[in-house]
PDB file of N, CA and C in Angstrom:
ATOM      1  N   UNK A   1      70.143  58.816  93.617  1.00  0.00           N
ATOM      2  CA  UNK A   1      71.812  58.760  93.850  1.00  0.00           C
ATOM      3  C   UNK A   1      71.628  56.720  93.371  1.00  0.00           C
ATOM      4  N   UNK A   2      71.715  56.270  92.803  1.00  0.00           N
ATOM      5  CA  UNK A   2      71.949  54.569  92.846  1.00  0.00           C
ATOM      6  C   UNK A   2      73.308  54.467  93.261  1.00  0.00           C
ATOM      7  N   UNK A   3      73.448  53.493  93.997  1.00  0.00           N
ATOM      8  CA  UNK A   3      73.674  53.071  94.852  1.00  0.00           C
ATOM      9  C   UNK A   3      74.636  51.517  94.694  1.00  0.00           C
ATOM     10  N   UNK A   4      76.020  51.319  94.807  1.00  0.00           N
ATOM     11  CA  UNK A   4      76.858  50.249  94.683  1.00  0.00           C
ATOM     12  C   UNK A   4      78.483  49.548  95.053  1.00  0.00           C
ATOM     13  N   UNK A   5      77.925  48.612  95.928  1.00  0.00           N
ATOM     14  CA  UNK A   5      79.099  48.029  96.459  1.00  0.00           C
ATOM     15  C   UNK A   5      80.756  48.005  95.785  1.00  0.00           C
ATOM     16  N   UNK A   6      81.677  48.367  96.644  1.00  0.00           N
ATOM     17  CA  UNK A   6      83.084  48.474  96.202  1.00  0.00           C
ATOM     18  C   UNK A   6      82.711  47.012  95.363  1.00  0.00           C
ATOM     19  N   UNK A   7      82.519  45.981  95.894  1.00  0.00           N
ATOM     20  CA  UNK A   7      82.616  44.496  95.679  1.00  0.00           C
ATOM     21  C   UNK A   7      81.426  44.432  94.377  1.00  0.00           C
ATOM     22  N   UNK A   8      79.913  44.945  93.813  1.00  0.00           N
ATOM     23  CA  UNK A   8      79.280  45.167  92.790  1.00  0.00           C
ATOM     24  C   UNK A   8      80.476  46.337  92.243  1.00  0.00           C
ATOM     25  N   UNK A   9      81.459  46.742  92.085  1.00  0.00           N
ATOM     26  CA  UNK A   9      81.723  47.406  91.237  1.00  0.00           C
ATOM     27  C   UNK A   9      82.860  47.055  91.117  1.00  0.00           C
ATOM     28  N   UNK A  10      84.014  46.168  91.599  1.00  0.00           N
ATOM     29  CA  UNK A  10      84.592  45.274  90.707  1.00  0.00           C
ATOM     30  C   UNK A  10      84.344  44.105  89.535  1.00  0.00           C
ATOM     31  N   UNK A  11      82.873  43.734  89.784  1.00  0.00           N
ATOM     32  CA  UNK A  11      82.557  42.746  89.157  1.00  0.00           C
ATOM     33  C   UNK A  11      81.920  43.643  87.714  1.00  0.00           C
ATOM     34  N   UNK A  12      81.400  44.504  87.786  1.00  0.00           N
ATOM     35  CA  UNK A  12      80.129  44.904  87.230  1.00  0.00           C
ATOM     36  C   UNK A  12      81.344  46.715  86.736  1.00  0.00           C
ATOM     37  N   UNK A  13      82.288  46.961  86.498  1.00  0.00           N
ATOM     38  CA  UNK A  13      82.848  48.446  86.503  1.00  0.00           C
ATOM     39  C   UNK A  13      82.377  49.161  85.166  1.00  0.00           C
ATOM     40  N   UNK A  14      82.132  48.272  84.083  1.00  0.00           N
ATOM     41  CA  UNK A  14      81.494  48.952  82.291  1.00  0.00           C
ATOM     42  C   UNK A  14      80.112  49.434  82.825  1.00  0.00           C
ATOM     43  N   UNK A  15      79.340  48.586  83.497  1.00  0.00           N
ATOM     44  CA  UNK A  15      78.429  48.455  83.893  1.00  0.00           C
ATOM     45  C   UNK A  15      77.997  50.184  84.916  1.00  0.00           C
ATOM     46  N   UNK A  16      79.020  49.826  85.122  1.00  0.00           N
ATOM     47  CA  UNK A  16      78.305  51.359  86.857  1.00  0.00           C
ATOM     48  C   UNK A  16      79.452  52.289  85.966  1.00  0.00           C
ATOM     49  N   UNK A  17      80.213  53.200  84.955  1.00  0.00           N
ATOM     50  CA  UNK A  17      81.116  53.335  84.254  1.00  0.00           C
ATOM     51  C   UNK A  17      79.843  53.391  83.425  1.00  0.00           C
ATOM     52  N   UNK A  18      79.636  52.965  82.637  1.00  0.00           N
ATOM     53  CA  UNK A  18      77.872  53.181  82.203  1.00  0.00           C
ATOM     54  C   UNK A  18      77.270  54.188  82.958  1.00  0.00           C
ATOM     55  N   UNK A  19      76.626  54.020  83.384  1.00  0.00           N
ATOM     56  CA  UNK A  19      76.152  54.246  84.498  1.00  0.00           C
ATOM     57  C   UNK A  19      75.998  55.926  85.005  1.00  0.00           C
ATOM     58  N   UNK A  20      76.798  55.633  85.618  1.00  0.00           N
ATOM     59  CA  UNK A  20      78.477  57.319  86.604  1.00  0.00           C
ATOM     60  C   UNK A  20      78.628  58.298  85.440  1.00  0.00           C
ATOM     61  N   UNK A  21      77.434  58.255  83.818  1.00  0.00           N
ATOM     62  CA  UNK A  21      78.009  58.515  82.759  1.00  0.00           C
ATOM     63  C   UNK A  21      76.690  58.919  82.733  1.00  0.00           C
ATOM     64  N   UNK A  22      75.141  59.040  83.055  1.00  0.00           N
ATOM     65  CA  UNK A  22      74.870  59.695  83.019  1.00  0.00           C
ATOM     66  C   UNK A  22      73.668  59.924  84.855  1.00  0.00           C
ATOM     67  N   UNK A  23      74.512  59.745  85.929  1.00  0.00           N
ATOM     68  CA  UNK A  23      74.192  59.869  87.412  1.00  0.00           C
ATOM     69  C   UNK A  23      75.337  59.504  88.185  1.00  0.00           C
ATOM     70  N   UNK A  24      75.615  60.378  89.137  1.00  0.00           N
ATOM     71  CA  UNK A  24      76.823  60.010  90.348  1.00  0.00           C
ATOM     72  C   UNK A  24      75.935  58.487  90.398  1.00  0.00           C
ATOM     73  N   UNK A  25      77.455  57.865  90.739  1.00  0.00           N
ATOM     74  CA  UNK A  25      76.799  56.395  91.453  1.00  0.00           C
ATOM     75  C   UNK A  25      78.073  56.768  92.975  1.00  0.00           C
ATOM     76  N   UNK A  26      76.932  56.228  93.961  1.00  0.00           N
ATOM     77  CA  UNK A  26      77.839  56.742  95.335  1.00  0.00           C
ATOM     78  C   UNK A  26      77.877  55.072  95.823  1.00  0.00           C
ATOM     79  N   UNK A  27      79.678  54.186  96.338  1.00  0.00           N
ATOM     80  CA  UNK A  27      79.921  53.300  95.659  1.00  0.00           C
ATOM     81  C   UNK A  27      80.073  52.972  97.158  1.00  0.00           C
ATOM     82  N   UNK A  28      79.641  52.298  98.158  1.00  0.00           N
ATOM     83  CA  UNK A  28      79.741  51.522  99.634  1.00  0.00           C
ATOM     84  C   UNK A  28      80.716  51.076  99.755  1.00  0.00           C
ATOM     85  N   UNK A  29      81.635  51.129 100.874  1.00  0.00           N
ATOM     86  CA  UNK A  29      81.928  50.184 101.791  1.00  0.00           C
ATOM     87  C   UNK A  29      82.001  50.080 102.722  1.00  0.00           C
ATOM     88  N   UNK A  30      81.616  48.752 103.510  1.00  0.00           N
ATOM     89  CA  UNK A  30      81.553  48.543 104.571  1.00  0.00           C
ATOM     90  C   UNK A  30      80.350  49.103 104.746  1.00  0.00           C
ATOM     91  N   UNK A  31      79.652  48.421 103.487  1.00  0.00           N
ATOM     92  CA  UNK A  31      77.694  49.028 103.793  1.00  0.00           C
ATOM     93  C   UNK A  31      77.254  50.477 103.755  1.00  0.00           C
ATOM     94  N   UNK A  32      78.653  51.325 103.476  1.00  0.00           N
ATOM     95  CA  UNK A  32      77.765  53.324 104.249  1.00  0.00           C
ATOM     96  C   UNK A  32      78.431  53.372 102.643  1.00  0.00           C
ATOM     97  N   UNK A  33      77.833  54.500 102.671  1.00  0.00           N
ATOM     98  CA  UNK A  33      78.730  55.461 100.735  1.00  0.00           C
ATOM     99  C   UNK A  33      79.580  56.361 102.152  1.00  0.00           C
ATOM    100  N   UNK A  34      80.893  55.882 100.965  1.00  0.00           N
ATOM    101  CA  UNK A  34      82.179  56.213 101.371  1.00  0.00           C
ATOM    102  C   UNK A  34      82.567  57.367  99.839  1.00  0.00           C
ATOM    103  N   UNK A  35      82.458  56.535  98.609  1.00  0.00           N
ATOM    104  CA  UNK A  35      82.941  57.438  97.746  1.00  0.00           C
ATOM    105  C   UNK A  35      81.421  57.555  96.383  1.00  0.00           C
ATOM    106  N   UNK A  36      82.066  58.438  95.305  1.00  0.00           N
ATOM    107  CA  UNK A  36      81.163  58.783  94.253  1.00  0.00           C
ATOM    108  C   UNK A  36      82.175  58.753  93.353  1.00  0.00           C
ATOM    109  N   UNK A  37      81.328  58.122  92.280  1.00  0.00           N
ATOM    110  CA  UNK A  37      81.929  58.044  90.341  1.00  0.00           C
ATOM    111  C   UNK A  37      80.885  58.608  90.280  1.00  0.00           C
ATOM    112  N   UNK A  38      81.345  60.087  89.205  1.00  0.00           N
ATOM    113  CA  UNK A  38      81.230  60.181  88.354  1.00  0.00           C
ATOM    114  C   UNK A  38      81.484  60.612  86.730  1.00  0.00           C
ATOM    115  N   UNK A  39      80.890  61.881  86.350  1.00  0.00           N
ATOM    116  CA  UNK A  39      81.798  61.606  84.773  1.00  0.00           C
ATOM    117  C   UNK A  39      82.251  63.117  85.254  1.00  0.00           C
ATOM    118  N   UNK A  40      83.138  62.839  84.189  1.00  0.00           N
ATOM    119  CA  UNK A  40      84.025  64.609  84.008  1.00  0.00           C
ATOM    120  C   UNK A  40      83.625  65.140  83.673  1.00  0.00           C
ATOM    121  N   UNK A  41      82.546  65.539  83.209  1.00  0.00           N
ATOM    122  CA  UNK A  41      82.025  66.599  83.052  1.00  0.00           C
ATOM    123  C   UNK A  41      80.589  66.770  83.757  1.00  0.00           C
ATOM    124  N   UNK A  42      80.255  66.123  84.273  1.00  0.00           N
ATOM    125  CA  UNK A  42      79.298  66.887  86.590  1.00  0.00           C
ATOM    126  C   UNK A  42      80.815  66.867  86.577  1.00  0.00           C
ATOM    127  N   UNK A  43      81.777  66.469  86.674  1.00  0.00           N
ATOM    128  CA  UNK A  43      83.078  66.945  87.616  1.00  0.00           C
ATOM    129  C   UNK A  43      83.172  68.077  87.433  1.00  0.00           C
ATOM    130  N   UNK A  44      83.097  68.595  86.012  1.00  0.00           N
ATOM    131  CA  UNK A  44      83.755  69.956  86.226  1.00  0.00           C
ATOM    132  C   UNK A  44      83.017  70.751  85.533  1.00  0.00           C
ATOM    133  N   UNK A  45      81.620  70.681  85.833  1.00  0.00           N
ATOM    134  CA  UNK A  45      80.030  71.209  86.480  1.00  0.00           C
ATOM    135  C   UNK A  45      79.835  71.293  87.726  1.00  0.00           C
ATOM    136  N   UNK A  46      80.355  70.674  88.289  1.00  0.00           N
ATOM    137  CA  UNK A  46      80.567  71.245  90.051  1.00  0.00           C
ATOM    138  C   UNK A  46      81.560  72.030  90.065  1.00  0.00           C
ATOM    139  N   UNK A  47      83.159  71.798  89.979  1.00  0.00           N
ATOM    140  CA  UNK A  47      84.476  72.577  89.611  1.00  0.00           C
ATOM    141  C   UNK A  47      83.461  74.305  89.643  1.00  0.00           C
ATOM    142  N   UNK A  48      82.252  74.570  88.346  1.00  0.00           N
ATOM    143  CA  UNK A  48      82.414  76.243  87.632  1.00  0.00           C
ATOM    144  C   UNK A  48      81.632  75.923  89.156  1.00  0.00           C
ATOM    145  N   UNK A  49      80.650  75.588  89.856  1.00  0.00           N
ATOM    146  CA  UNK A  49      79.645  76.168  90.540  1.00  0.00           C
ATOM    147  C   UNK A  49      79.760  76.719  91.917  1.00  0.00           C
ATOM    148  N   UNK A  50      80.926  76.659  91.724  1.00  0.00           N
ATOM    149  CA  UNK A  50      81.829  76.445  93.616  1.00  0.00           C
ATOM    150  C   UNK A  50      80.900  78.139  93.550  1.00  0.00           C
ATOM    151  N   UNK A  51      80.974  78.467  95.130  1.00  0.00           N
ATOM    152  CA  UNK A  51      80.084  79.724  94.803  1.00  0.00           C
ATOM    153  C   UNK A  51      81.337  81.350  95.063  1.00  0.00           C
ATOM    154  N   UNK A  52      82.218  81.394  95.726  1.00  0.00           N
ATOM    155  CA  UNK A  52      83.373  81.662  95.602  1.00  0.00           C
ATOM    156  C   UNK A  52      84.565  80.921  94.557  1.00  0.00           C
ATOM    157  N   UNK A  53      85.431  82.576  93.811  1.00  0.00           N
ATOM    158  CA  UNK A  53      86.462  82.109  93.358  1.00  0.00           C
ATOM    159  C   UNK A  53      87.814  83.141  93.861  1.00  0.00           C
ATOM    160  N   UNK A  54      88.918  83.057  93.332  1.00  0.00           N
ATOM    161  CA  UNK A  54      89.597  83.809  93.715  1.00  0.00           C
ATOM    162  C   UNK A  54      89.369  85.240  91.757  1.00  0.00           C
ATOM    163  N   UNK A  55      90.042  85.943  92.083  1.00  0.00           N
ATOM    164  CA  UNK A  55      89.250  86.691  90.920  1.00  0.00           C
ATOM    165  C   UNK A  55      89.840  85.863  89.151  1.00  0.00           C
ATOM    166  N   UNK A  56      91.289  85.852  89.648  1.00  0.00           N
ATOM    167  CA  UNK A  56      92.492  84.942  88.954  1.00  0.00           C
ATOM    168  C   UNK A  56      91.772  83.529  88.383  1.00  0.00           C
ATOM    169  N   UNK A  57      89.995  82.883  89.233  1.00  0.00           N
ATOM    170  CA  UNK A  57      90.295  81.289  88.710  1.00  0.00           C
ATOM    171  C   UNK A  57      88.965  81.716  88.319  1.00  0.00           C
ATOM    172  N   UNK A  58      88.476  82.612  88.029  1.00  0.00           N
ATOM    173  CA  UNK A  58      86.792  82.806  87.071  1.00  0.00           C
ATOM    174  C   UNK A  58      86.677  82.562  85.807  1.00  0.00           C
ATOM    175  N   UNK A  59      86.095  81.661  85.443  1.00  0.00           N
ATOM    176  CA  UNK A  59      85.775  80.937  83.983  1.00  0.00           C
ATOM    177  C   UNK A  59      85.707  82.240  83.149  1.00  0.00           C
ATOM    178  N   UNK A  60      86.039  82.601  81.742  1.00  0.00           N
ATOM    179  CA  UNK A  60      85.420  83.588  81.216  1.00  0.00           C
ATOM    180  C   UNK A  60      84.149  83.962  81.188  1.00  0.00           C
ATOM    181  N   UNK A  61      83.226  83.224  80.502  1.00  0.00           N
ATOM    182  CA  UNK A  61      81.958  83.743  81.082  1.00  0.00           C
ATOM    183  C   UNK A  61      80.749  83.741  81.529  1.00  0.00           C
ATOM    184  N   UNK A  62      81.797  83.577  83.432  1.00  0.00           N
ATOM    185  CA  UNK A  62      81.655  84.857  84.196  1.00  0.00           C
ATOM    186  C   UNK A  62      81.057  85.905  84.287  1.00  0.00           C
ATOM    187  N   UNK A  63      83.215  86.177  84.269  1.00  0.00           N
ATOM    188  CA  UNK A  63      83.363  87.478  83.443  1.00  0.00           C
ATOM    189  C   UNK A  63      82.526  88.017  82.270  1.00  0.00           C
ATOM    190  N   UNK A  64      82.103  87.369  81.884  1.00  0.00           N
ATOM    191  CA  UNK A  64      81.771  88.030  80.800  1.00  0.00           C
ATOM    192  C   UNK A  64      80.714  88.865  81.210  1.00  0.00           C
ATOM    193  N   UNK A  65      79.403  87.597  81.507  1.00  0.00           N
ATOM    194  CA  UNK A  65      77.634  87.745  82.167  1.00  0.00           C
ATOM    195  C   UNK A  65      78.223  89.149  83.929  1.00  0.00           C
ATOM    196  N   UNK A  66      79.034  88.870  84.158  1.00  0.00           N
ATOM    197  CA  UNK A  66      78.982  89.872  85.031  1.00  0.00           C
ATOM    198  C   UNK A  66      79.183  91.720  84.719  1.00  0.00           C
ATOM    199  N   UNK A  67      79.810  91.586  83.213  1.00  0.00           N
ATOM    200  CA  UNK A  67      79.968  92.689  82.709  1.00  0.00           C
ATOM    201  C   UNK A  67      78.795  93.176  82.432  1.00  0.00           C
ATOM    202  N   UNK A  68      78.252  92.208  81.991  1.00  0.00           N
ATOM    203  CA  UNK A  68      76.669  92.464  80.920  1.00  0.00           C
ATOM    204  C   UNK A  68      75.638  92.608  82.257  1.00  0.00           C
ATOM    205  N   UNK A  69      75.732  92.588  83.076  1.00  0.00           N
ATOM    206  CA  UNK A  69      74.394  92.748  84.618  1.00  0.00           C
ATOM    207  C   UNK A  69      74.096  93.743  84.699  1.00  0.00           C
ATOM    208  N   UNK A  70      72.627  93.789  84.223  1.00  0.00           N
ATOM    209  CA  UNK A  70      72.687  95.589  85.187  1.00  0.00           C
ATOM    210  C   UNK A  70      71.124  95.239  86.247  1.00  0.00           C
ATOM    211  N   UNK A  71      71.629  96.625  86.546  1.00  0.00           N
ATOM    212  CA  UNK A  71      71.140  95.941  87.918  1.00  0.00           C
ATOM    213  C   UNK A  71      69.395  96.342  87.876  1.00  0.00           C
ATOM    214  N   UNK A  72      68.614  95.977  88.828  1.00  0.00           N
ATOM    215  CA  UNK A  72      67.392  95.760  88.959  1.00  0.00           C
ATOM    216  C   UNK A  72      66.930  97.231  88.828  1.00  0.00           C
ATOM    217  N   UNK A  73      65.701  98.383  88.012  1.00  0.00           N
ATOM    218  CA  UNK A  73      65.766  99.252  88.380  1.00  0.00           C
ATOM    219  C   UNK A  73      65.126  99.570  90.041  1.00  0.00           C
ATOM    220  N   UNK A  74      64.999  98.708  90.863  1.00  0.00           N
ATOM    221  CA  UNK A  74      64.600  99.056  92.699  1.00  0.00           C
ATOM    222  C   UNK A  74      65.464  98.560  93.659  1.00  0.00           C
ATOM    223  N   UNK A  75      66.761  98.499  92.398  1.00  0.00           N
ATOM    224  CA  UNK A  75      68.173  98.719  94.117  1.00  0.00           C
ATOM    225  C   UNK A  75      68.686  99.850  93.369  1.00  0.00           C
ATOM    226  N   UNK A  76      68.343 100.933  92.590  1.00  0.00           N
ATOM    227  CA  UNK A  76      68.932 101.876  92.082  1.00  0.00           C
ATOM    228  C   UNK A  76      70.046 102.673  92.728  1.00  0.00           C
ATOM    229  N   UNK A  77      68.903 102.488  94.016  1.00  0.00           N
ATOM    230  CA  UNK A  77      69.243 103.969  95.700  1.00  0.00           C
ATOM    231  C   UNK A  77      70.772 103.165  96.155  1.00  0.00           C
ATOM    232  N   UNK A  78      70.987 102.003  95.760  1.00  0.00           N
ATOM    233  CA  UNK A  78      71.650 101.166  96.337  1.00  0.00           C
ATOM    234  C   UNK A  78      73.160 101.737  95.520  1.00  0.00           C
ATOM    235  N   UNK A  79      73.742 102.277  94.629  1.00  0.00           N
ATOM    236  CA  UNK A  79      74.680 102.454  93.795  1.00  0.00           C
ATOM    237  C   UNK A  79      75.437 103.730  95.207  1.00  0.00           C
ATOM    238  N   UNK A  80      74.443 104.318  95.974  1.00  0.00           N
ATOM    239  CA  UNK A  80      75.143 105.315  96.820  1.00  0.00           C
ATOM    240  C   UNK A  80      76.338 104.815  97.567  1.00  0.00           C
ATOM    241  N   UNK A  81      76.378 103.514  97.720  1.00  0.00           N
ATOM    242  CA  UNK A  81      77.253 102.867  98.747  1.00  0.00           C
ATOM    243  C   UNK A  81      78.164 102.580  98.440  1.00  0.00           C
ATOM    244  N   UNK A  82      78.406 102.710  96.833  1.00  0.00           N
ATOM    245  CA  UNK A  82      80.036 102.099  96.067  1.00  0.00           C
ATOM    246  C   UNK A  82      80.951 103.414  95.804  1.00  0.00           C
ATOM    247  N   UNK A  83      79.896 104.929  96.706  1.00  0.00           N
ATOM    248  CA  UNK A  83      80.549 105.963  96.537  1.00  0.00           C
ATOM    249  C   UNK A  83      81.596 106.197  97.628  1.00  0.00           C
TER     250      UNK A  83
END
């Protein structure tokens, strides 16, 4: 991940925005990375990549994949745990 200073961000905002469309960019303040600038597409991808959701928050594509999923035959004996 590329890193730029807050001063460089101010001076080259357009270039840094263009870069952030391709990859996240760390913004440094006082010599330390403090913020990240990223595209809305990457932000949305990260939101849907969370490991847990409230059921009502699940994206439809996840619901569809879970509904279509099939258990590997080697784990068939685990079905008894659901009874």
